[in-house]
Amino acid sequence: MDWNTSDKQALVRAVLALKTPNEARRFLRDLMTESEIEEFAKRLTAAIMLSDNIPYSTIEKATGLSSTTVARVSKWLGGAEGGYRTVISRLHHRNSVPAGNGLH
């Protein structure tokens, strides 16, 4: 994928400009349909479960994702881009922070 187009660079800058969970929720809702949000949330859940070594069959049942999608998420989780790994690492780090961190 070519990330050097002006529209893709603008999208990345827009994501980086978000400062609160509420801003992120509102932007994602404006950007995507409810179905797309649900699908992407399920993929992130699958990536988290895969990183915890949960079996594919359990992930499929818990998320409703197809085996093909779970396999694709697994491929990306282990891939060179490292996007899922970065986010999962940061989420786990934040989850270890005491309550009151503004994520609720």
Protein backbone atom coordinates (compact mmCIF):
# COMPACT_ATOMS: atom_id res chain seq x y z
CA MET A 1 0.00 0.00 0.00
CA ASP A 2 1.24 3.48 -0.81
CA TRP A 3 0.97 5.55 2.38
CA ASN A 4 2.50 8.58 0.68
CA THR A 5 -0.69 9.85 -0.94
CA SER A 6 -2.08 13.07 0.46
CA ASP A 7 -5.40 11.49 1.46
CA LYS A 8 -3.73 8.66 3.41
CA GLN A 9 -1.33 11.06 5.07
CA ALA A 10 -4.29 13.23 6.08
CA LEU A 11 -6.04 10.19 7.57
CA VAL A 12 -2.98 9.31 9.66
CA ARG A 13 -2.67 12.93 10.84
CA ALA A 14 -6.38 12.94 11.73
CA VAL A 15 -6.00 9.82 13.90
CA LEU A 16 -2.96 11.32 15.61
CA ALA A 17 -4.88 14.54 16.31
CA LEU A 18 -7.45 12.72 18.50
CA LYS A 19 -6.91 13.40 22.19
CA THR A 20 -9.70 11.72 24.13
CA PRO A 21 -11.69 8.50 23.94
CA ASN A 22 -14.79 10.57 23.21
CA GLU A 23 -13.08 12.30 20.27
CA ALA A 24 -11.97 8.91 18.95
CA ARG A 25 -15.48 7.46 19.25
CA ARG A 26 -17.01 10.43 17.44
CA PHE A 27 -14.42 10.40 14.66
CA LEU A 28 -14.67 6.65 14.11
CA ARG A 29 -18.47 6.90 13.94
CA ASP A 30 -18.25 9.67 11.35
CA LEU A 31 -15.61 7.76 9.38
CA MET A 32 -17.17 4.28 9.36
CA THR A 33 -20.52 2.57 9.38
CA GLU A 34 -21.67 0.81 12.54
CA SER A 35 -21.00 -2.53 10.83
CA GLU A 36 -17.44 -1.51 9.98
CA ILE A 37 -16.79 -0.40 13.55
CA GLU A 38 -18.13 -3.71 14.85
CA GLU A 39 -15.98 -5.67 12.37
CA PHE A 40 -12.79 -3.77 13.25
CA ALA A 41 -13.49 -4.11 16.97
CA LYS A 42 -13.86 -7.87 16.50
CA ARG A 43 -10.57 -8.01 14.60
CA LEU A 44 -8.79 -6.19 17.42
CA THR A 45 -10.37 -8.58 19.92
CA ALA A 46 -9.15 -11.50 17.81
CA ALA A 47 -5.63 -10.05 17.72
CA ILE A 48 -5.62 -9.67 21.51
CA MET A 49 -6.90 -13.21 21.94
CA LEU A 50 -4.31 -14.55 19.48
CA SER A 51 -1.56 -12.77 21.40
CA ASP A 52 -2.83 -14.59 24.50
CA ASN A 53 -2.56 -17.91 22.58
CA ILE A 54 -6.32 -18.52 22.55
CA PRO A 55 -7.25 -21.22 20.00
CA TYR A 56 -8.78 -20.13 16.67
CA SER A 57 -11.99 -22.05 17.38
CA THR A 58 -12.52 -20.17 20.65
CA ILE A 59 -11.84 -16.85 18.93
CA GLU A 60 -14.30 -17.67 16.14
CA LYS A 61 -17.01 -18.49 18.67
CA ALA A 62 -16.32 -15.43 20.83
CA THR A 63 -16.16 -12.93 17.98
CA GLY A 64 -18.28 -14.44 15.24
CA LEU A 65 -15.38 -13.95 12.81
CA SER A 66 -14.74 -16.53 10.11
CA SER A 67 -11.72 -18.80 10.30
CA THR A 68 -10.35 -16.97 7.26
CA THR A 69 -10.54 -13.61 9.03
CA VAL A 70 -8.96 -15.00 12.21
CA ALA A 71 -6.15 -16.46 10.08
CA ARG A 72 -5.68 -13.10 8.34
CA VAL A 73 -5.52 -11.29 11.69
CA SER A 74 -2.98 -13.86 12.88
CA LYS A 75 -0.87 -13.23 9.77
CA TRP A 76 -0.97 -9.46 10.34
CA LEU A 77 -0.27 -9.91 14.06
CA GLY A 78 2.96 -11.69 13.17
CA GLY A 79 3.72 -9.48 10.17
CA ALA A 80 6.41 -6.90 9.61
CA GLU A 81 4.14 -3.85 10.04
CA GLY A 82 3.63 -4.54 13.75
CA GLY A 83 0.51 -2.40 14.08
CA TYR A 84 -1.46 -4.89 16.15
CA ARG A 85 1.58 -5.64 18.34
CA THR A 86 2.16 -1.95 19.04
CA VAL A 87 -1.46 -1.32 20.00
CA ILE A 88 -1.76 -4.48 22.11
CA SER A 89 1.46 -3.64 23.94
CA ARG A 90 0.23 -0.14 24.69
CA LEU A 91 -3.21 -1.34 25.76
CA HIS A 92 -1.68 -3.87 28.15
CA HIS A 93 0.60 -1.16 29.53
CA ARG A 94 -2.34 1.21 30.06
CA ASN A 95 -4.40 -1.54 31.68
CA SER A 96 -1.72 -1.78 34.34
CA VAL A 97 -2.12 1.93 35.17
CA PRO A 98 -4.30 2.67 38.21
CA ALA A 99 -7.92 3.75 37.67
CA GLY A 100 -8.47 7.36 36.77
CA ASN A 101 -6.42 7.32 33.58
CA GLY A 102 -9.28 8.80 31.55
CA LEU A 103 -9.99 5.69 29.48
CA HIS A 104 -13.47 5.04 30.86
